[in-house]
């Protein structure tokens, strides 16, 4: 797949990808789709798994049209039988999976008191337990053969506190971060790698379709010191991070500054966030309008 390789001379961006098979759950749209393209560009064969079967198949076909190898399958990560069947279908088409990317997720908005218990359960069932179901299928095999790469998608919302109007989402993403960190400790001696993509503000269509449980209310963001990035930038950051052997891969490295600030004085950090929101600073990122065709 040399025609898809755009790496700089002397670099080896294909290292974790070239000749490998990757399944991307939630790969039919938004960041997952961009990641599918990026992994394929670096030499991986891709199984695009998504609850939207048309989106999965269209993304896979786009990879094939670009000179790559891919297959699209439908999956519901909240159903163990569906996930197992999709995984089997992907492996029948491509072979054993070297990379398992858990990117399927739900997003919502609302005040804490307005979320019903069922929404908390649905959020964790998809965002967190979707990963657990994938681990149930793939982790024993990776451990047995002594290699593989588990990749999970978390969020800045789980890295440090600001998403007070998306508590079930933020809590599920914090759980994914903790799961990934501890999984890395467990799997490193066994030869299996773990990476966790931690997106900051990235341009997607998810917000447009997001359900609000409290009517019209503004989103709270991770900070106005951050700039909105594209899905391609997020995918490139992840692939580069995996190439470097990193465990936590932030789309915006500046997020570590906020993380360190919070860790140094958590009470002060939380109270400052509350005060900022109270005076109307919603922490929304800056946007290069020309970059996104909004000028």
C-alpha atoms as a PDB file:
ATOM      1  CA  UNK A   1       0.000   0.000   0.000  1.00  0.00           C
ATOM      2  CA  UNK A   2       2.828   2.354  -0.810  1.00  0.00           C
ATOM      3  CA  UNK A   3       0.462   4.710  -2.577  1.00  0.00           C
ATOM      4  CA  UNK A   4      -1.161   5.474   0.792  1.00  0.00           C
ATOM      5  CA  UNK A   5       2.144   6.194   2.555  1.00  0.00           C
ATOM      6  CA  UNK A   6       2.761   9.905   2.974  1.00  0.00           C
ATOM      7  CA  UNK A   7       5.397   9.688   5.717  1.00  0.00           C
ATOM      8  CA  UNK A   8       8.327  12.064   5.734  1.00  0.00           C
ATOM      9  CA  UNK A   9      11.664  10.816   4.350  1.00  0.00           C
ATOM     10  CA  UNK A  10      13.594   8.934   6.990  1.00  0.00           C
ATOM     11  CA  UNK A  11      10.531   8.424   9.196  1.00  0.00           C
ATOM     12  CA  UNK A  12       8.731   5.156   9.787  1.00  0.00           C
ATOM     13  CA  UNK A  13       5.131   6.066  10.620  1.00  0.00           C
ATOM     14  CA  UNK A  14       3.928   2.612   9.554  1.00  0.00           C
ATOM     15  CA  UNK A  15       5.748   0.716  12.324  1.00  0.00           C
ATOM     16  CA  UNK A  16       2.733  -0.362  14.428  1.00  0.00           C
ATOM     17  CA  UNK A  17       0.462  -0.579  11.379  1.00  0.00           C
ATOM     18  CA  UNK A  18       2.181  -1.929   8.279  1.00  0.00           C
ATOM     19  CA  UNK A  19       0.878  -5.425   7.547  1.00  0.00           C
ATOM     20  CA  UNK A  20      -1.325  -5.406  10.659  1.00  0.00           C
ATOM     21  CA  UNK A  21      -5.078  -5.950  10.949  1.00  0.00           C
ATOM     22  CA  UNK A  22      -7.106  -3.418  12.931  1.00  0.00           C
ATOM     23  CA  UNK A  23     -10.751  -3.435  13.942  1.00  0.00           C
ATOM     24  CA  UNK A  24     -12.237  -0.040  14.773  1.00  0.00           C
ATOM     25  CA  UNK A  25     -15.484  -0.107  16.715  1.00  0.00           C
ATOM     26  CA  UNK A  26     -17.341   3.117  15.962  1.00  0.00           C
ATOM     27  CA  UNK A  27     -15.291   3.542  12.792  1.00  0.00           C
ATOM     28  CA  UNK A  28     -18.065   4.549  10.417  1.00  0.00           C
ATOM     29  CA  UNK A  29     -18.145   8.268  11.175  1.00  0.00           C
ATOM     30  CA  UNK A  30     -16.399  11.234  12.771  1.00  0.00           C
ATOM     31  CA  UNK A  31     -13.085  10.555  14.555  1.00  0.00           C
ATOM     32  CA  UNK A  32     -13.436   6.800  14.098  1.00  0.00           C
ATOM     33  CA  UNK A  33     -13.689   7.207  10.339  1.00  0.00           C
ATOM     34  CA  UNK A  34     -10.636   9.500  10.271  1.00  0.00           C
ATOM     35  CA  UNK A  35      -8.717   6.946  12.337  1.00  0.00           C
ATOM     36  CA  UNK A  36      -9.702   4.184   9.917  1.00  0.00           C
ATOM     37  CA  UNK A  37      -8.294   6.228   7.039  1.00  0.00           C
ATOM     38  CA  UNK A  38      -5.109   7.065   8.966  1.00  0.00           C
ATOM     39  CA  UNK A  39      -4.391   3.487  10.030  1.00  0.00           C
ATOM     40  CA  UNK A  40      -5.010   2.318   6.450  1.00  0.00           C
ATOM     41  CA  UNK A  41      -2.710   5.035   5.086  1.00  0.00           C
ATOM     42  CA  UNK A  42       0.013   3.652   7.316  1.00  0.00           C
ATOM     43  CA  UNK A  43      -0.421   0.136   5.997  1.00  0.00           C
ATOM     44  CA  UNK A  44      -3.048  -1.607   8.138  1.00  0.00           C
ATOM     45  CA  UNK A  45      -5.986  -3.626   6.850  1.00  0.00           C
ATOM     46  CA  UNK A  46      -9.122  -2.245   8.494  1.00  0.00           C
ATOM     47  CA  UNK A  47     -12.329  -3.782   9.777  1.00  0.00           C
ATOM     48  CA  UNK A  48     -14.737  -0.857  10.135  1.00  0.00           C
ATOM     49  CA  UNK A  49     -17.365  -1.830  12.716  1.00  0.00           C
ATOM     50  CA  UNK A  50     -20.267   0.484  13.411  1.00  0.00           C
ATOM     51  CA  UNK A  51     -23.914   0.326  14.449  1.00  0.00           C
ATOM     52  CA  UNK A  52     -24.577   2.202  11.204  1.00  0.00           C
ATOM     53  CA  UNK A  53     -23.928  -0.584   8.698  1.00  0.00           C
ATOM     54  CA  UNK A  54     -24.086   1.777   5.727  1.00  0.00           C
ATOM     55  CA  UNK A  55     -21.508   4.070   7.307  1.00  0.00           C
ATOM     56  CA  UNK A  56     -19.218   1.124   8.067  1.00  0.00           C
ATOM     57  CA  UNK A  57     -19.409  -0.232   4.535  1.00  0.00           C
ATOM     58  CA  UNK A  58     -19.015   3.203   2.939  1.00  0.00           C
ATOM     59  CA  UNK A  59     -15.917   3.926   5.002  1.00  0.00           C
ATOM     60  CA  UNK A  60     -14.446   0.531   4.139  1.00  0.00           C
ATOM     61  CA  UNK A  61     -15.137   1.073   0.447  1.00  0.00           C
ATOM     62  CA  UNK A  62     -13.475   4.484   0.592  1.00  0.00           C
ATOM     63  CA  UNK A  63     -10.347   2.820   1.995  1.00  0.00           C
ATOM     64  CA  UNK A  64     -10.403   0.226  -0.784  1.00  0.00           C
ATOM     65  CA  UNK A  65     -10.845   2.982  -3.365  1.00  0.00           C
ATOM     66  CA  UNK A  66      -7.701   4.636  -1.961  1.00  0.00           C
ATOM     67  CA  UNK A  67      -5.685   1.461  -2.435  1.00  0.00           C
ATOM     68  CA  UNK A  68      -6.149  -0.097   0.999  1.00  0.00           C
ATOM     69  CA  UNK A  69      -7.747  -3.258   2.307  1.00  0.00           C
ATOM     70  CA  UNK A  70     -10.906  -3.018   4.402  1.00  0.00           C
ATOM     71  CA  UNK A  71     -14.231  -4.585   5.259  1.00  0.00           C
ATOM     72  CA  UNK A  72     -17.309  -3.006   6.829  1.00  0.00           C
ATOM     73  CA  UNK A  73     -19.427  -4.818   9.431  1.00  0.00           C
ATOM     74  CA  UNK A  74     -22.365  -3.861  11.586  1.00  0.00           C
ATOM     75  CA  UNK A  75     -21.987  -4.058  15.355  1.00  0.00           C
ATOM     76  CA  UNK A  76     -23.887  -3.051  18.467  1.00  0.00           C
ATOM     77  CA  UNK A  77     -21.240  -2.819  21.182  1.00  0.00           C
ATOM     78  CA  UNK A  78     -23.969  -2.935  23.830  1.00  0.00           C
ATOM     79  CA  UNK A  79     -24.769  -6.515  22.780  1.00  0.00           C
ATOM     80  CA  UNK A  80     -22.181  -9.224  23.454  1.00  0.00           C
ATOM     81  CA  UNK A  81     -23.496 -11.535  20.738  1.00  0.00           C
ATOM     82  CA  UNK A  82     -23.418  -8.733  18.153  1.00  0.00           C
ATOM     83  CA  UNK A  83     -19.860  -7.766  19.078  1.00  0.00           C
ATOM     84  CA  UNK A  84     -18.662 -11.376  18.965  1.00  0.00           C
ATOM     85  CA  UNK A  85     -20.355 -11.937  15.595  1.00  0.00           C
ATOM     86  CA  UNK A  86     -18.911  -8.746  14.092  1.00  0.00           C
ATOM     87  CA  UNK A  87     -15.445  -9.663  15.347  1.00  0.00           C
ATOM     88  CA  UNK A  88     -15.725 -13.136  13.816  1.00  0.00           C
ATOM     89  CA  UNK A  89     -16.907 -11.667  10.508  1.00  0.00           C
ATOM     90  CA  UNK A  90     -13.987  -9.234  10.478  1.00  0.00           C
ATOM     91  CA  UNK A  91     -11.443 -11.943  11.199  1.00  0.00           C
ATOM     92  CA  UNK A  92     -12.942 -14.228   8.571  1.00  0.00           C
ATOM     93  CA  UNK A  93     -12.348 -11.465   6.020  1.00  0.00           C
ATOM     94  CA  UNK A  94      -8.960 -10.144   7.156  1.00  0.00           C
ATOM     95  CA  UNK A  95      -7.430 -12.563   9.637  1.00  0.00           C
ATOM     96  CA  UNK A  96      -6.410 -12.229  13.279  1.00  0.00           C
ATOM     97  CA  UNK A  97      -6.718  -8.718  14.711  1.00  0.00           C
ATOM     98  CA  UNK A  98      -3.519  -7.039  15.870  1.00  0.00           C
ATOM     99  CA  UNK A  99      -5.123  -3.728  16.876  1.00  0.00           C
ATOM    100  CA  UNK A 100      -8.498  -3.351  18.597  1.00  0.00           C
ATOM    101  CA  UNK A 101      -9.745   0.246  18.663  1.00  0.00           C
ATOM    102  CA  UNK A 102     -12.679   0.885  21.011  1.00  0.00           C
ATOM    103  CA  UNK A 103     -14.119   4.151  19.757  1.00  0.00           C
ATOM    104  CA  UNK A 104     -17.892   3.618  19.920  1.00  0.00           C
ATOM    105  CA  UNK A 105     -19.546   6.069  22.274  1.00  0.00           C
ATOM    106  CA  UNK A 106     -22.574   8.136  23.203  1.00  0.00           C
ATOM    107  CA  UNK A 107     -22.758  11.841  24.048  1.00  0.00           C
ATOM    108  CA  UNK A 108     -25.457  13.869  25.803  1.00  0.00           C
ATOM    109  CA  UNK A 109     -26.092  17.117  27.635  1.00  0.00           C
ATOM    110  CA  UNK A 110     -28.109  18.159  30.665  1.00  0.00           C
ATOM    111  CA  UNK A 111     -28.129  19.022  34.343  1.00  0.00           C
ATOM    112  CA  UNK A 112     -27.264  16.185  36.749  1.00  0.00           C
ATOM    113  CA  UNK A 113     -30.721  16.107  38.299  1.00  0.00           C
ATOM    114  CA  UNK A 114     -32.362  15.668  34.888  1.00  0.00           C
ATOM    115  CA  UNK A 115     -30.593  12.468  33.820  1.00  0.00           C
ATOM    116  CA  UNK A 116     -32.705   9.385  34.486  1.00  0.00           C
ATOM    117  CA  UNK A 117     -31.037   6.292  35.859  1.00  0.00           C
ATOM    118  CA  UNK A 118     -31.596   4.556  32.529  1.00  0.00           C
ATOM    119  CA  UNK A 119     -29.401   7.151  30.792  1.00  0.00           C
ATOM    120  CA  UNK A 120     -26.572   6.580  33.241  1.00  0.00           C
ATOM    121  CA  UNK A 121     -26.838   2.864  32.551  1.00  0.00           C
ATOM    122  CA  UNK A 122     -27.003   3.339  28.778  1.00  0.00           C
ATOM    123  CA  UNK A 123     -23.972   5.648  28.801  1.00  0.00           C
ATOM    124  CA  UNK A 124     -21.814   3.201  30.738  1.00  0.00           C
ATOM    125  CA  UNK A 125     -23.169   0.222  28.799  1.00  0.00           C
ATOM    126  CA  UNK A 126     -21.923   1.741  25.549  1.00  0.00           C
ATOM    127  CA  UNK A 127     -18.889   3.821  26.450  1.00  0.00           C
ATOM    128  CA  UNK A 128     -17.322   1.589  29.110  1.00  0.00           C
ATOM    129  CA  UNK A 129     -18.841  -1.862  28.806  1.00  0.00           C
ATOM    130  CA  UNK A 130     -18.490  -1.786  25.025  1.00  0.00           C
ATOM    131  CA  UNK A 131     -14.748  -1.859  25.735  1.00  0.00           C
ATOM    132  CA  UNK A 132     -15.165  -4.628  28.289  1.00  0.00           C
ATOM    133  CA  UNK A 133     -17.064  -6.737  25.736  1.00  0.00           C
ATOM    134  CA  UNK A 134     -14.314  -6.239  23.168  1.00  0.00           C
ATOM    135  CA  UNK A 135     -11.711  -7.190  25.760  1.00  0.00           C
ATOM    136  CA  UNK A 136     -13.656 -10.369  26.493  1.00  0.00           C
ATOM    137  CA  UNK A 137     -13.298 -11.376  22.831  1.00  0.00           C
ATOM    138  CA  UNK A 138      -9.758 -10.236  22.029  1.00  0.00           C
ATOM    139  CA  UNK A 139      -7.721  -9.931  25.232  1.00  0.00           C
ATOM    140  CA  UNK A 140      -7.249 -13.668  25.966  1.00  0.00           C
ATOM    141  CA  UNK A 141      -5.979 -14.199  22.419  1.00  0.00           C
ATOM    142  CA  UNK A 142      -3.536 -11.293  22.607  1.00  0.00           C
ATOM    143  CA  UNK A 143      -2.178 -12.499  25.945  1.00  0.00           C
ATOM    144  CA  UNK A 144      -1.822 -16.048  24.616  1.00  0.00           C
ATOM    145  CA  UNK A 145       0.233 -14.968  21.604  1.00  0.00           C
ATOM    146  CA  UNK A 146       2.180 -12.272  23.492  1.00  0.00           C
ATOM    147  CA  UNK A 147       1.401  -9.280  21.308  1.00  0.00           C
ATOM    148  CA  UNK A 148      -1.406  -6.948  20.258  1.00  0.00           C
ATOM    149  CA  UNK A 149      -2.560  -3.400  20.862  1.00  0.00           C
ATOM    150  CA  UNK A 150      -5.700  -2.286  22.709  1.00  0.00           C
ATOM    151  CA  UNK A 151      -6.721   1.306  21.963  1.00  0.00           C
ATOM    152  CA  UNK A 152      -9.524   3.060  23.851  1.00  0.00           C
ATOM    153  CA  UNK A 153     -11.097   6.477  23.312  1.00  0.00           C
ATOM    154  CA  UNK A 154     -11.576   8.603  26.429  1.00  0.00           C
ATOM    155  CA  UNK A 155     -12.005  12.405  26.525  1.00  0.00           C
ATOM    156  CA  UNK A 156     -10.726  15.567  28.164  1.00  0.00           C
ATOM    157  CA  UNK A 157     -14.052  15.366  30.015  1.00  0.00           C
ATOM    158  CA  UNK A 158     -12.595  12.437  31.939  1.00  0.00           C
ATOM    159  CA  UNK A 159      -9.112  13.934  32.335  1.00  0.00           C
ATOM    160  CA  UNK A 160     -10.018  16.941  34.485  1.00  0.00           C
ATOM    161  CA  UNK A 161     -13.320  18.442  35.674  1.00  0.00           C
ATOM    162  CA  UNK A 162     -15.305  20.834  33.502  1.00  0.00           C
ATOM    163  CA  UNK A 163     -18.147  18.782  31.978  1.00  0.00           C
ATOM    164  CA  UNK A 164     -20.602  19.349  34.826  1.00  0.00           C
ATOM    165  CA  UNK A 165     -23.483  19.338  32.326  1.00  0.00           C
ATOM    166  CA  UNK A 166     -22.513  15.891  30.961  1.00  0.00           C
ATOM    167  CA  UNK A 167     -21.884  13.932  34.143  1.00  0.00           C
ATOM    168  CA  UNK A 168     -22.722  10.386  32.948  1.00  0.00           C
ATOM    169  CA  UNK A 169     -20.554  10.924  29.858  1.00  0.00           C
ATOM    170  CA  UNK A 170     -17.686  12.469  31.831  1.00  0.00           C
ATOM    171  CA  UNK A 171     -17.808   9.727  34.469  1.00  0.00           C
ATOM    172  CA  UNK A 172     -17.735   7.009  31.814  1.00  0.00           C
ATOM    173  CA  UNK A 173     -14.730   8.631  30.133  1.00  0.00           C
ATOM    174  CA  UNK A 174     -12.900   8.947  33.448  1.00  0.00           C
ATOM    175  CA  UNK A 175     -13.527   5.235  33.947  1.00  0.00           C
ATOM    176  CA  UNK A 176     -12.060   4.518  30.503  1.00  0.00           C
ATOM    177  CA  UNK A 177      -8.922   6.482  31.382  1.00  0.00           C
ATOM    178  CA  UNK A 178      -8.477   4.562  34.621  1.00  0.00           C
ATOM    179  CA  UNK A 179      -9.198   1.259  32.909  1.00  0.00           C
ATOM    180  CA  UNK A 180      -6.616   2.001  30.212  1.00  0.00           C
ATOM    181  CA  UNK A 181      -3.924   3.074  32.672  1.00  0.00           C
ATOM    182  CA  UNK A 182      -4.302   0.004  34.851  1.00  0.00           C
ATOM    183  CA  UNK A 183      -4.679  -2.283  31.850  1.00  0.00           C
ATOM    184  CA  UNK A 184      -1.338  -0.989  30.578  1.00  0.00           C
ATOM    185  CA  UNK A 185       0.302  -1.905  33.885  1.00  0.00           C
ATOM    186  CA  UNK A 186      -1.115  -5.414  33.654  1.00  0.00           C
ATOM    187  CA  UNK A 187      -0.439  -6.044  29.970  1.00  0.00           C
ATOM    188  CA  UNK A 188       3.005  -4.477  29.516  1.00  0.00           C
ATOM    189  CA  UNK A 189       4.853  -7.513  30.924  1.00  0.00           C
ATOM    190  CA  UNK A 190       2.749  -9.748  28.672  1.00  0.00           C
ATOM    191  CA  UNK A 191       3.797  -7.991  25.472  1.00  0.00           C
ATOM    192  CA  UNK A 192       0.417  -6.384  24.798  1.00  0.00           C
ATOM    193  CA  UNK A 193       0.323  -2.620  24.315  1.00  0.00           C
ATOM    194  CA  UNK A 194      -2.349  -0.184  25.464  1.00  0.00           C
ATOM    195  CA  UNK A 195      -3.013   3.324  24.195  1.00  0.00           C
ATOM    196  CA  UNK A 196      -5.783   5.694  25.220  1.00  0.00           C
ATOM    197  CA  UNK A 197      -6.816   8.483  22.872  1.00  0.00           C
ATOM    198  CA  UNK A 198      -7.860  11.517  24.911  1.00  0.00           C
ATOM    199  CA  UNK A 199      -9.552  14.002  22.560  1.00  0.00           C
ATOM    200  CA  UNK A 200      -9.846  17.632  23.474  1.00  0.00           C
ATOM    201  CA  UNK A 201     -12.066  19.849  21.314  1.00  0.00           C
ATOM    202  CA  UNK A 202     -12.334  18.236  17.875  1.00  0.00           C
ATOM    203  CA  UNK A 203     -14.713  19.210  15.077  1.00  0.00           C
ATOM    204  CA  UNK A 204     -17.329  16.443  14.741  1.00  0.00           C
ATOM    205  CA  UNK A 205     -21.030  16.126  13.962  1.00  0.00           C
ATOM    206  CA  UNK A 206     -21.737  14.462  17.334  1.00  0.00           C
ATOM    207  CA  UNK A 207     -22.810  17.679  19.072  1.00  0.00           C
ATOM    208  CA  UNK A 208     -25.420  18.363  16.392  1.00  0.00           C
ATOM    209  CA  UNK A 209     -27.180  15.068  17.121  1.00  0.00           C
ATOM    210  CA  UNK A 210     -26.616  15.156  20.875  1.00  0.00           C
ATOM    211  CA  UNK A 211     -29.672  14.720  23.093  1.00  0.00           C
ATOM    212  CA  UNK A 212     -30.245  17.279  25.848  1.00  0.00           C
ATOM    213  CA  UNK A 213     -32.125  16.260  28.982  1.00  0.00           C
ATOM    214  CA  UNK A 214     -32.502  19.877  30.165  1.00  0.00           C
ATOM    215  CA  UNK A 215     -33.751  21.662  27.075  1.00  0.00           C
ATOM    216  CA  UNK A 216     -31.583  24.269  25.408  1.00  0.00           C
ATOM    217  CA  UNK A 217     -28.420  24.756  27.392  1.00  0.00           C
ATOM    218  CA  UNK A 218     -24.867  25.703  26.388  1.00  0.00           C
ATOM    219  CA  UNK A 219     -22.037  23.206  26.346  1.00  0.00           C
ATOM    220  CA  UNK A 220     -19.199  23.644  28.821  1.00  0.00           C
ATOM    221  CA  UNK A 221     -15.746  23.167  27.318  1.00  0.00           C
ATOM    222  CA  UNK A 222     -12.255  22.307  28.573  1.00  0.00           C
ATOM    223  CA  UNK A 223     -10.877  25.827  28.247  1.00  0.00           C
ATOM    224  CA  UNK A 224     -10.575  28.784  25.905  1.00  0.00           C
ATOM    225  CA  UNK A 225      -6.780  28.316  25.765  1.00  0.00           C
ATOM    226  CA  UNK A 226      -7.398  25.346  23.441  1.00  0.00           C
ATOM    227  CA  UNK A 227      -7.989  25.491  19.697  1.00  0.00           C
ATOM    228  CA  UNK A 228     -10.511  23.350  17.862  1.00  0.00           C
ATOM    229  CA  UNK A 229      -8.771  20.612  15.874  1.00  0.00           C
ATOM    230  CA  UNK A 230      -9.878  18.564  12.889  1.00  0.00           C
ATOM    231  CA  UNK A 231     -10.684  14.862  12.914  1.00  0.00           C
ATOM    232  CA  UNK A 232      -7.664  14.222  10.699  1.00  0.00           C
ATOM    233  CA  UNK A 233      -5.426  15.958  13.247  1.00  0.00           C
ATOM    234  CA  UNK A 234      -6.858  13.776  16.004  1.00  0.00           C
ATOM    235  CA  UNK A 235      -6.293  10.616  13.969  1.00  0.00           C
ATOM    236  CA  UNK A 236      -2.731  11.637  13.142  1.00  0.00           C
ATOM    237  CA  UNK A 237      -1.988  12.382  16.792  1.00  0.00           C
ATOM    238  CA  UNK A 238      -3.223   8.938  17.800  1.00  0.00           C
ATOM    239  CA  UNK A 239      -1.218   7.112  15.136  1.00  0.00           C
ATOM    240  CA  UNK A 240       1.925   9.076  15.987  1.00  0.00           C
ATOM    241  CA  UNK A 241       1.412   8.362  19.685  1.00  0.00           C
ATOM    242  CA  UNK A 242       1.024   4.640  19.036  1.00  0.00           C
ATOM    243  CA  UNK A 243       4.154   4.751  16.888  1.00  0.00           C
ATOM    244  CA  UNK A 244       6.007   6.314  19.831  1.00  0.00           C
ATOM    245  CA  UNK A 245       4.678   3.708  22.259  1.00  0.00           C
ATOM    246  CA  UNK A 246       2.676   6.217  24.299  1.00  0.00           C
ATOM    247  CA  UNK A 247      -0.115   5.150  26.624  1.00  0.00           C
ATOM    248  CA  UNK A 248      -2.013   8.432  27.018  1.00  0.00           C
ATOM    249  CA  UNK A 249      -2.319  10.214  23.683  1.00  0.00           C
ATOM    250  CA  UNK A 250      -3.828  13.700  23.944  1.00  0.00           C
ATOM    251  CA  UNK A 251      -4.992  15.517  20.831  1.00  0.00           C
ATOM    252  CA  UNK A 252      -3.995  18.718  22.645  1.00  0.00           C
ATOM    253  CA  UNK A 253      -0.819  18.303  24.755  1.00  0.00           C
ATOM    254  CA  UNK A 254      -1.806  21.510  26.575  1.00  0.00           C
ATOM    255  CA  UNK A 255      -4.347  19.393  28.404  1.00  0.00           C
ATOM    256  CA  UNK A 256      -1.540  18.015  30.551  1.00  0.00           C
ATOM    257  CA  UNK A 257      -1.022  21.549  31.910  1.00  0.00           C
ATOM    258  CA  UNK A 258      -4.610  21.670  33.174  1.00  0.00           C
ATOM    259  CA  UNK A 259      -4.266  18.125  34.483  1.00  0.00           C
ATOM    260  CA  UNK A 260      -1.130  19.072  36.439  1.00  0.00           C
ATOM    261  CA  UNK A 261      -2.772  22.261  37.725  1.00  0.00           C
ATOM    262  CA  UNK A 262      -5.726  20.279  38.986  1.00  0.00           C
ATOM    263  CA  UNK A 263      -3.476  17.626  40.572  1.00  0.00           C
ATOM    264  CA  UNK A 264      -1.414  20.284  42.375  1.00  0.00           C
ATOM    265  CA  UNK A 265      -4.417  21.996  44.002  1.00  0.00           C
ATOM    266  CA  UNK A 266      -7.644  20.136  43.186  1.00  0.00           C
ATOM    267  CA  UNK A 267      -9.951  22.145  45.431  1.00  0.00           C
ATOM    268  CA  UNK A 268      -8.706  25.447  44.009  1.00  0.00           C
ATOM    269  CA  UNK A 269      -8.995  24.151  40.453  1.00  0.00           C
ATOM    270  CA  UNK A 270     -12.586  22.952  40.923  1.00  0.00           C
ATOM    271  CA  UNK A 271     -13.690  26.146  42.668  1.00  0.00           C
ATOM    272  CA  UNK A 272     -12.086  28.273  39.944  1.00  0.00           C
ATOM    273  CA  UNK A 273     -13.989  26.338  37.290  1.00  0.00           C
ATOM    274  CA  UNK A 274     -17.253  26.815  39.136  1.00  0.00           C
ATOM    275  CA  UNK A 275     -16.590  30.549  39.486  1.00  0.00           C
ATOM    276  CA  UNK A 276     -15.733  30.890  35.799  1.00  0.00           C
ATOM    277  CA  UNK A 277     -18.925  29.144  34.715  1.00  0.00           C
ATOM    278  CA  UNK A 278     -20.902  31.302  37.119  1.00  0.00           C
ATOM    279  CA  UNK A 279     -19.792  34.493  35.348  1.00  0.00           C
ATOM    280  CA  UNK A 280     -20.423  33.079  31.876  1.00  0.00           C
ATOM    281  CA  UNK A 281     -17.006  31.696  30.888  1.00  0.00           C
ATOM    282  CA  UNK A 282     -18.024  28.372  29.371  1.00  0.00           C
ATOM    283  CA  UNK A 283     -14.500  27.292  28.485  1.00  0.00           C
ATOM    284  CA  UNK A 284     -15.233  27.017  24.788  1.00  0.00           C
ATOM    285  CA  UNK A 285     -12.239  26.493  22.494  1.00  0.00           C
ATOM    286  CA  UNK A 286     -10.960  29.019  19.995  1.00  0.00           C
ATOM    287  CA  UNK A 287     -11.788  28.328  16.355  1.00  0.00           C
ATOM    288  CA  UNK A 288      -9.756  29.091  13.261  1.00  0.00           C
ATOM    289  CA  UNK A 289     -12.783  29.807  11.086  1.00  0.00           C
ATOM    290  CA  UNK A 290     -10.815  29.842   7.850  1.00  0.00           C
ATOM    291  CA  UNK A 291      -9.433  26.388   8.627  1.00  0.00           C
ATOM    292  CA  UNK A 292     -12.930  24.925   8.884  1.00  0.00           C
ATOM    293  CA  UNK A 293     -14.458  26.986   6.105  1.00  0.00           C
ATOM    294  CA  UNK A 294     -16.491  29.080   8.528  1.00  0.00           C
ATOM    295  CA  UNK A 295     -15.023  32.494   7.634  1.00  0.00           C
END
